[in-house]
């Protein structure tokens, strides 16, 4: 794969390379556009997949929204940045914003993983316990009006 051979790690730590106002628009950014497009599609798939679980267990809605938001909005922002790069827009097409978007994605993903692994099981157990408790409580009945 030529794309992997073209990547130079040293350039990612060069500030002149990262903060270049208008980097060359003729490069392998089609691959990034495909990745960002796939992120949008993954967000929609997560919306549909977790939607089924959310009907069974309402707490899954929290994870559904978080996964959809990270995939959809990162993909959308990435496509905008790639478009600005392709058009040669000063500053918005710079590598810094792509790097910033990548870092935001990583931090956001770590927060979602933390929620899914640590917080969500506790909330799920609490919800199940609450359901078991409410199962034995008397339900309110509607009074029927006569006459």
N, C-alpha and C. Protein backbone atom coordinates (compact mmCIF):
# COMPACT_ATOMS: atom_id res chain seq x y z
N UNK A 1 0.84 -1.19 0.00
CA UNK A 1 0.00 0.00 0.00
C UNK A 1 0.88 1.25 0.00
N UNK A 2 0.70 2.08 -0.97
CA UNK A 2 1.48 3.31 -1.10
C UNK A 2 1.19 4.31 0.01
N UNK A 3 -0.03 4.32 0.49
CA UNK A 3 -0.40 5.32 1.51
C UNK A 3 0.41 5.14 2.78
N UNK A 4 0.66 3.91 3.17
CA UNK A 4 1.43 3.65 4.38
C UNK A 4 2.90 4.01 4.18
N UNK A 5 3.41 3.80 2.99
CA UNK A 5 4.80 4.15 2.70
C UNK A 5 5.02 5.66 2.69
N UNK A 6 3.96 6.43 2.38
CA UNK A 6 4.07 7.89 2.30
C UNK A 6 4.01 8.57 3.67
N UNK A 7 3.60 7.86 4.71
CA UNK A 7 3.47 8.46 6.03
C UNK A 7 4.84 8.55 6.68
N UNK A 8 5.17 9.75 7.12
CA UNK A 8 6.42 9.98 7.83
C UNK A 8 6.08 10.49 9.23
N UNK A 9 6.42 9.72 10.24
CA UNK A 9 6.10 10.06 11.62
C UNK A 9 6.83 11.32 12.08
N UNK A 10 8.02 11.56 11.57
CA UNK A 10 8.80 12.74 11.97
C UNK A 10 8.05 14.03 11.65
N UNK A 11 7.30 14.04 10.56
CA UNK A 11 6.57 15.24 10.17
C UNK A 11 5.46 15.59 11.15
N UNK A 12 4.90 14.60 11.84
CA UNK A 12 3.83 14.86 12.79
C UNK A 12 4.31 15.64 14.01
N UNK A 13 5.61 15.68 14.25
CA UNK A 13 6.16 16.42 15.38
C UNK A 13 6.84 17.71 14.94
N UNK A 14 6.81 18.00 13.66
CA UNK A 14 7.39 19.23 13.12
C UNK A 14 6.33 20.32 13.14
N UNK A 15 6.54 21.37 13.93
CA UNK A 15 5.52 22.42 14.07
C UNK A 15 5.29 23.18 12.76
N UNK A 16 6.31 23.38 11.97
CA UNK A 16 6.14 24.08 10.70
C UNK A 16 5.24 23.27 9.76
N UNK A 17 5.35 21.96 9.83
CA UNK A 17 4.52 21.08 9.00
C UNK A 17 3.07 21.07 9.49
N UNK A 18 2.89 21.03 10.78
CA UNK A 18 1.53 20.96 11.35
C UNK A 18 0.79 22.28 11.17
N UNK A 19 1.46 23.41 11.41
CA UNK A 19 0.80 24.71 11.37
C UNK A 19 0.92 25.42 10.03
N UNK A 20 1.22 24.71 8.99
CA UNK A 20 1.29 25.30 7.65
C UNK A 20 -0.09 25.85 7.28
N UNK A 21 -0.13 27.11 6.83
CA UNK A 21 -1.41 27.78 6.56
C UNK A 21 -2.22 27.08 5.47
N UNK A 22 -1.59 26.88 4.35
CA UNK A 22 -2.27 26.24 3.22
C UNK A 22 -1.42 25.09 2.71
N UNK A 23 -1.59 23.91 3.29
CA UNK A 23 -0.83 22.76 2.80
C UNK A 23 -1.30 22.36 1.40
N UNK A 24 -0.49 21.60 0.73
CA UNK A 24 -0.81 21.16 -0.63
C UNK A 24 -2.12 20.37 -0.64
N UNK A 25 -2.97 20.71 -1.58
CA UNK A 25 -4.27 20.02 -1.64
C UNK A 25 -4.21 18.76 -2.49
N UNK A 26 -3.11 18.57 -3.17
CA UNK A 26 -2.97 17.38 -4.00
C UNK A 26 -2.21 16.30 -3.22
N UNK A 27 -2.93 15.53 -2.47
CA UNK A 27 -2.31 14.44 -1.73
C UNK A 27 -3.35 13.34 -1.54
N UNK A 28 -3.04 12.42 -0.70
CA UNK A 28 -3.90 11.24 -0.52
C UNK A 28 -5.01 11.49 0.50
N UNK A 29 -5.73 12.57 0.37
CA UNK A 29 -6.80 12.87 1.32
C UNK A 29 -8.12 12.20 0.94
N UNK A 30 -8.14 11.54 -0.19
CA UNK A 30 -9.32 10.76 -0.54
C UNK A 30 -9.53 9.64 0.47
N UNK A 31 -8.43 9.07 0.96
CA UNK A 31 -8.53 8.01 1.96
C UNK A 31 -9.14 8.53 3.26
N UNK A 32 -8.76 9.73 3.67
CA UNK A 32 -9.35 10.32 4.86
C UNK A 32 -10.83 10.63 4.65
N UNK A 33 -11.18 11.08 3.46
CA UNK A 33 -12.59 11.34 3.17
C UNK A 33 -13.40 10.05 3.25
N UNK A 34 -12.84 8.95 2.79
CA UNK A 34 -13.52 7.66 2.87
C UNK A 34 -13.68 7.25 4.33
N UNK A 35 -12.64 7.44 5.13
CA UNK A 35 -12.71 7.09 6.55
C UNK A 35 -13.77 7.92 7.25
N UNK A 36 -13.81 9.23 6.99
CA UNK A 36 -14.81 10.08 7.62
C UNK A 36 -16.22 9.74 7.14
N UNK A 37 -16.35 9.39 5.89
CA UNK A 37 -17.64 8.94 5.38
C UNK A 37 -18.10 7.65 6.05
N UNK A 38 -17.16 6.73 6.25
CA UNK A 38 -17.50 5.49 6.95
C UNK A 38 -17.87 5.74 8.40
N UNK A 39 -17.27 6.76 9.02
CA UNK A 39 -17.66 7.11 10.39
C UNK A 39 -19.12 7.57 10.45
N UNK A 40 -19.53 8.35 9.45
CA UNK A 40 -20.92 8.79 9.40
C UNK A 40 -21.84 7.58 9.25
N UNK A 41 -21.49 6.68 8.35
CA UNK A 41 -22.30 5.47 8.16
C UNK A 41 -22.32 4.63 9.43
N UNK A 42 -21.19 4.52 10.11
CA UNK A 42 -21.13 3.78 11.37
C UNK A 42 -22.02 4.42 12.43
N UNK A 43 -22.08 5.73 12.45
CA UNK A 43 -22.98 6.42 13.38
C UNK A 43 -24.43 6.09 13.12
N UNK A 44 -24.82 6.05 11.85
CA UNK A 44 -26.20 5.70 11.50
C UNK A 44 -26.49 4.25 11.85
N UNK A 45 -25.53 3.36 11.61
CA UNK A 45 -25.71 1.94 11.97
C UNK A 45 -25.83 1.80 13.49
N UNK A 46 -25.02 2.54 14.23
CA UNK A 46 -25.10 2.50 15.69
C UNK A 46 -26.47 3.01 16.16
N UNK A 47 -26.96 4.01 15.48
CA UNK A 47 -28.28 4.55 15.83
C UNK A 47 -29.35 3.48 15.66
N UNK A 48 -29.29 2.76 14.56
CA UNK A 48 -30.28 1.71 14.30
C UNK A 48 -30.07 0.49 15.20
N UNK A 49 -28.82 0.08 15.38
CA UNK A 49 -28.53 -1.11 16.17
C UNK A 49 -28.86 -0.93 17.64
N UNK A 50 -28.43 0.19 18.20
CA UNK A 50 -28.74 0.44 19.60
C UNK A 50 -30.20 0.82 19.78
N UNK A 51 -30.84 1.26 18.71
CA UNK A 51 -32.26 1.61 18.79
C UNK A 51 -33.10 0.41 19.16
N UNK A 52 -32.74 -0.76 18.64
CA UNK A 52 -33.46 -1.98 18.99
C UNK A 52 -33.26 -2.32 20.46
N UNK A 53 -32.04 -2.16 20.94
CA UNK A 53 -31.78 -2.42 22.35
C UNK A 53 -32.47 -1.40 23.25
N UNK A 54 -32.58 -0.16 22.78
CA UNK A 54 -33.21 0.88 23.57
C UNK A 54 -34.69 0.61 23.77
N UNK A 55 -35.31 -0.08 22.82
CA UNK A 55 -36.72 -0.44 23.00
C UNK A 55 -36.88 -1.48 24.10
N UNK A 56 -35.91 -2.37 24.22
CA UNK A 56 -35.95 -3.41 25.26
C UNK A 56 -35.53 -2.82 26.61
N UNK A 57 -34.46 -2.09 26.62
CA UNK A 57 -33.89 -1.53 27.85
C UNK A 57 -33.63 -0.03 27.61
N UNK A 58 -34.38 0.85 28.26
CA UNK A 58 -34.25 2.29 27.98
C UNK A 58 -32.87 2.88 28.27
N UNK A 59 -32.09 2.25 29.12
CA UNK A 59 -30.76 2.80 29.43
C UNK A 59 -29.80 2.71 28.25
N UNK A 60 -30.06 1.83 27.31
CA UNK A 60 -29.19 1.72 26.14
C UNK A 60 -29.26 2.98 25.29
N UNK A 61 -30.29 3.78 25.50
CA UNK A 61 -30.44 5.02 24.74
C UNK A 61 -29.25 5.96 24.99
N UNK A 62 -28.72 5.95 26.22
CA UNK A 62 -27.57 6.81 26.54
C UNK A 62 -26.35 6.43 25.70
N UNK A 63 -26.09 5.14 25.59
CA UNK A 63 -24.94 4.70 24.79
C UNK A 63 -25.22 4.94 23.31
N UNK A 64 -26.45 4.71 22.90
CA UNK A 64 -26.81 4.93 21.50
C UNK A 64 -26.51 6.38 21.10
N UNK A 65 -26.92 7.30 21.93
CA UNK A 65 -26.71 8.71 21.60
C UNK A 65 -25.21 9.06 21.59
N UNK A 66 -24.46 8.52 22.53
CA UNK A 66 -23.04 8.84 22.60
C UNK A 66 -22.27 8.28 21.41
N UNK A 67 -22.55 7.05 21.03
CA UNK A 67 -21.86 6.44 19.89
C UNK A 67 -22.26 7.14 18.59
N UNK A 68 -23.55 7.45 18.45
CA UNK A 68 -23.99 8.17 17.27
C UNK A 68 -23.31 9.52 17.18
N UNK A 69 -23.28 10.26 18.30
CA UNK A 69 -22.68 11.59 18.28
C UNK A 69 -21.21 11.57 17.93
N UNK A 70 -20.45 10.66 18.51
CA UNK A 70 -19.01 10.63 18.22
C UNK A 70 -18.76 10.28 16.75
N UNK A 71 -19.47 9.30 16.24
CA UNK A 71 -19.23 8.87 14.86
C UNK A 71 -19.73 9.90 13.86
N UNK A 72 -20.96 10.33 14.02
CA UNK A 72 -21.57 11.22 13.05
C UNK A 72 -20.89 12.58 13.01
N UNK A 73 -20.70 13.18 14.17
CA UNK A 73 -20.16 14.54 14.18
C UNK A 73 -18.66 14.58 13.88
N UNK A 74 -17.92 13.57 14.27
CA UNK A 74 -16.51 13.51 13.89
C UNK A 74 -16.39 13.30 12.38
N UNK A 75 -17.21 12.42 11.84
CA UNK A 75 -17.19 12.20 10.39
C UNK A 75 -17.57 13.44 9.62
N UNK A 76 -18.59 14.14 10.09
CA UNK A 76 -19.03 15.35 9.42
C UNK A 76 -17.97 16.45 9.49
N UNK A 77 -17.40 16.65 10.67
CA UNK A 77 -16.35 17.66 10.82
C UNK A 77 -15.13 17.29 9.96
N UNK A 78 -14.80 16.01 9.92
CA UNK A 78 -13.67 15.56 9.11
C UNK A 78 -13.90 15.81 7.62
N UNK A 79 -15.11 15.54 7.16
CA UNK A 79 -15.41 15.81 5.75
C UNK A 79 -15.32 17.30 5.43
N UNK A 80 -15.77 18.14 6.36
CA UNK A 80 -15.64 19.58 6.15
C UNK A 80 -14.16 19.98 6.09
N UNK A 81 -13.35 19.44 6.99
CA UNK A 81 -11.94 19.78 6.97
C UNK A 81 -11.25 19.30 5.69
N UNK A 82 -11.62 18.12 5.23
CA UNK A 82 -11.06 17.61 3.97
C UNK A 82 -11.52 18.49 2.80
N UNK A 83 -12.76 18.92 2.83
CA UNK A 83 -13.26 19.82 1.78
C UNK A 83 -12.47 21.13 1.79
N UNK A 84 -12.25 21.71 2.97
CA UNK A 84 -11.49 22.95 3.07
C UNK A 84 -10.06 22.75 2.59
N UNK A 85 -9.50 21.59 2.85
CA UNK A 85 -8.15 21.28 2.40
C UNK A 85 -8.11 21.19 0.88
N UNK A 86 -9.11 20.53 0.33
CA UNK A 86 -9.19 20.35 -1.12
C UNK A 86 -9.35 21.69 -1.83
N UNK A 87 -10.13 22.60 -1.21
CA UNK A 87 -10.36 23.91 -1.81
C UNK A 87 -9.22 24.91 -1.53
N UNK A 88 -8.32 24.54 -0.64
CA UNK A 88 -7.18 25.41 -0.33
C UNK A 88 -7.54 26.57 0.57
N UNK A 89 -8.54 26.39 1.44
CA UNK A 89 -8.94 27.45 2.35
C UNK A 89 -7.84 27.62 3.41
N UNK A 90 -7.40 28.84 3.59
CA UNK A 90 -6.33 29.13 4.53
C UNK A 90 -6.78 28.81 5.95
N UNK A 91 -5.92 28.26 6.74
CA UNK A 91 -6.09 27.89 8.14
C UNK A 91 -7.06 26.72 8.33
N UNK A 92 -8.25 26.78 7.79
CA UNK A 92 -9.21 25.68 7.98
C UNK A 92 -8.77 24.40 7.29
N UNK A 93 -7.94 24.53 6.28
CA UNK A 93 -7.42 23.36 5.60
C UNK A 93 -6.11 22.86 6.17
N UNK A 94 -5.67 23.46 7.27
CA UNK A 94 -4.36 23.08 7.81
C UNK A 94 -4.41 21.73 8.51
N UNK A 95 -3.25 21.16 8.67
CA UNK A 95 -3.13 19.84 9.31
C UNK A 95 -3.44 19.91 10.80
N UNK A 96 -3.28 21.08 11.38
CA UNK A 96 -3.53 21.25 12.81
C UNK A 96 -4.97 20.88 13.16
N UNK A 97 -5.93 21.30 12.34
CA UNK A 97 -7.32 21.00 12.66
C UNK A 97 -7.63 19.52 12.52
N UNK A 98 -7.00 18.85 11.57
CA UNK A 98 -7.18 17.39 11.48
C UNK A 98 -6.58 16.70 12.69
N UNK A 99 -5.43 17.16 13.13
CA UNK A 99 -4.80 16.60 14.33
C UNK A 99 -5.66 16.89 15.56
N UNK A 100 -6.19 18.09 15.65
CA UNK A 100 -7.07 18.45 16.76
C UNK A 100 -8.34 17.59 16.75
N UNK A 101 -8.91 17.37 15.58
CA UNK A 101 -10.09 16.52 15.47
C UNK A 101 -9.77 15.09 15.90
N UNK A 102 -8.61 14.59 15.54
CA UNK A 102 -8.19 13.25 15.94
C UNK A 102 -8.05 13.15 17.46
N UNK A 103 -7.43 14.16 18.08
CA UNK A 103 -7.27 14.15 19.53
C UNK A 103 -8.62 14.23 20.25
N UNK A 104 -9.51 15.06 19.74
CA UNK A 104 -10.85 15.16 20.33
C UNK A 104 -11.58 13.83 20.21
N UNK A 105 -11.43 13.17 19.06
CA UNK A 105 -12.06 11.87 18.86
C UNK A 105 -11.52 10.84 19.87
N UNK A 106 -10.22 10.83 20.09
CA UNK A 106 -9.61 9.88 21.03
C UNK A 106 -10.12 10.14 22.45
N UNK A 107 -10.13 11.40 22.88
CA UNK A 107 -10.60 11.72 24.23
C UNK A 107 -12.08 11.36 24.38
N UNK A 108 -12.87 11.68 23.38
CA UNK A 108 -14.30 11.40 23.41
C UNK A 108 -14.54 9.88 23.46
N UNK A 109 -13.75 9.13 22.71
CA UNK A 109 -13.89 7.67 22.70
C UNK A 109 -13.51 7.07 24.06
N UNK A 110 -12.48 7.61 24.69
CA UNK A 110 -12.09 7.12 26.01
C UNK A 110 -13.21 7.39 27.02
N UNK A 111 -13.84 8.53 26.94
CA UNK A 111 -14.95 8.85 27.84
C UNK A 111 -16.11 7.89 27.62
N UNK A 112 -16.42 7.60 26.37
CA UNK A 112 -17.52 6.67 26.07
C UNK A 112 -17.18 5.26 26.55
N UNK A 113 -15.95 4.83 26.35
CA UNK A 113 -15.54 3.49 26.82
C UNK A 113 -15.61 3.43 28.34
N UNK A 114 -15.17 4.49 29.01
CA UNK A 114 -15.27 4.53 30.46
C UNK A 114 -16.72 4.42 30.91
N UNK A 115 -17.60 5.16 30.25
CA UNK A 115 -19.02 5.10 30.60
C UNK A 115 -19.57 3.70 30.38
N UNK A 116 -19.22 3.09 29.26
CA UNK A 116 -19.76 1.76 28.92
C UNK A 116 -19.23 0.68 29.85
N UNK A 117 -17.96 0.77 30.23
CA UNK A 117 -17.35 -0.29 31.02
C UNK A 117 -17.55 -0.09 32.53
N UNK A 118 -17.49 1.13 33.01
CA UNK A 118 -17.54 1.39 34.45
C UNK A 118 -18.92 1.86 34.92
N UNK A 119 -19.45 2.88 34.31
CA UNK A 119 -20.68 3.51 34.80
C UNK A 119 -21.93 2.76 34.38
N UNK A 120 -22.01 2.34 33.14
CA UNK A 120 -23.22 1.73 32.61
C UNK A 120 -23.64 0.45 33.34
N UNK A 121 -22.73 -0.48 33.66
CA UNK A 121 -23.17 -1.67 34.39
C UNK A 121 -23.78 -1.35 35.75
N UNK A 122 -23.27 -0.33 36.42
CA UNK A 122 -23.84 0.08 37.71
C UNK A 122 -25.25 0.63 37.52
N UNK A 123 -25.42 1.47 36.50
CA UNK A 123 -26.74 2.02 36.22
C UNK A 123 -27.72 0.93 35.80
N UNK A 124 -27.25 -0.04 35.04
CA UNK A 124 -28.09 -1.14 34.60
C UNK A 124 -28.53 -1.99 35.79
N UNK A 125 -27.62 -2.27 36.70
CA UNK A 125 -27.97 -3.04 37.90
C UNK A 125 -28.96 -2.27 38.77
N UNK A 126 -28.75 -0.98 38.89
CA UNK A 126 -29.67 -0.13 39.67
C UNK A 126 -31.05 -0.10 39.03
N UNK A 127 -31.08 -0.01 37.71
CA UNK A 127 -32.36 0.01 37.00
C UNK A 127 -33.10 -1.32 37.16
N UNK A 128 -32.38 -2.43 37.05
CA UNK A 128 -33.00 -3.75 37.23
C UNK A 128 -33.54 -3.92 38.65
N UNK A 129 -32.78 -3.45 39.62
CA UNK A 129 -33.23 -3.52 41.01
C UNK A 129 -34.50 -2.68 41.21
N UNK A 130 -34.53 -1.51 40.62
CA UNK A 130 -35.71 -0.64 40.71
C UNK A 130 -36.92 -1.29 40.05
N UNK A 131 -36.71 -1.95 38.91
CA UNK A 131 -37.81 -2.65 38.24
C UNK A 131 -38.36 -3.79 39.09
N UNK A 132 -37.47 -4.55 39.72
CA UNK A 132 -37.90 -5.64 40.59
C UNK A 132 -38.69 -5.10 41.77
N UNK A 133 -38.24 -3.97 42.31
CA UNK A 133 -38.93 -3.36 43.45
C UNK A 133 -40.32 -2.88 43.05
N UNK A 134 -40.41 -2.22 41.90
CA UNK A 134 -41.69 -1.68 41.45
C UNK A 134 -42.66 -2.76 40.98
N UNK A 135 -42.15 -3.92 40.69
CA UNK A 135 -43.00 -5.01 40.24
C UNK A 135 -44.00 -5.41 41.33
N UNK A 136 -43.62 -5.26 42.59
CA UNK A 136 -44.46 -5.68 43.69
C UNK A 136 -45.28 -4.54 44.29
N UNK A 137 -45.13 -3.35 43.77
CA UNK A 137 -45.92 -2.22 44.26
C UNK A 137 -47.29 -2.23 43.59
N UNK A 138 -48.32 -1.79 44.31
CA UNK A 138 -49.65 -1.73 43.67
C UNK A 138 -49.69 -0.65 42.61
N UNK A 139 -50.40 -0.93 41.57
CA UNK A 139 -50.51 0.02 40.47
C UNK A 139 -51.75 0.88 40.66
N UNK A 140 -51.65 2.08 40.17
CA UNK A 140 -52.80 2.98 40.24
C UNK A 140 -53.82 2.54 39.21
N UNK A 141 -55.06 2.51 39.62
CA UNK A 141 -56.14 2.16 38.68
C UNK A 141 -56.92 3.41 38.38
N UNK A 142 -57.44 3.48 37.21
CA UNK A 142 -58.23 4.63 36.81
C UNK A 142 -59.64 4.44 37.31
N UNK A 143 -60.19 5.46 37.88
CA UNK A 143 -61.56 5.41 38.38
C UNK A 143 -62.51 5.54 37.20
N UNK A 144 -63.53 4.71 37.21
CA UNK A 144 -64.51 4.73 36.13
C UNK A 144 -65.69 5.60 36.57
N UNK A 145 -66.01 6.58 35.75
CA UNK A 145 -67.13 7.45 36.06
C UNK A 145 -68.43 6.80 35.66
N UNK A 146 -69.39 6.90 36.52
CA UNK A 146 -70.72 6.39 36.19
C UNK A 146 -71.63 7.57 35.91
N UNK A 147 -72.40 7.37 34.89
CA UNK A 147 -73.48 8.23 34.69
C UNK A 147 -73.42 9.41 33.96
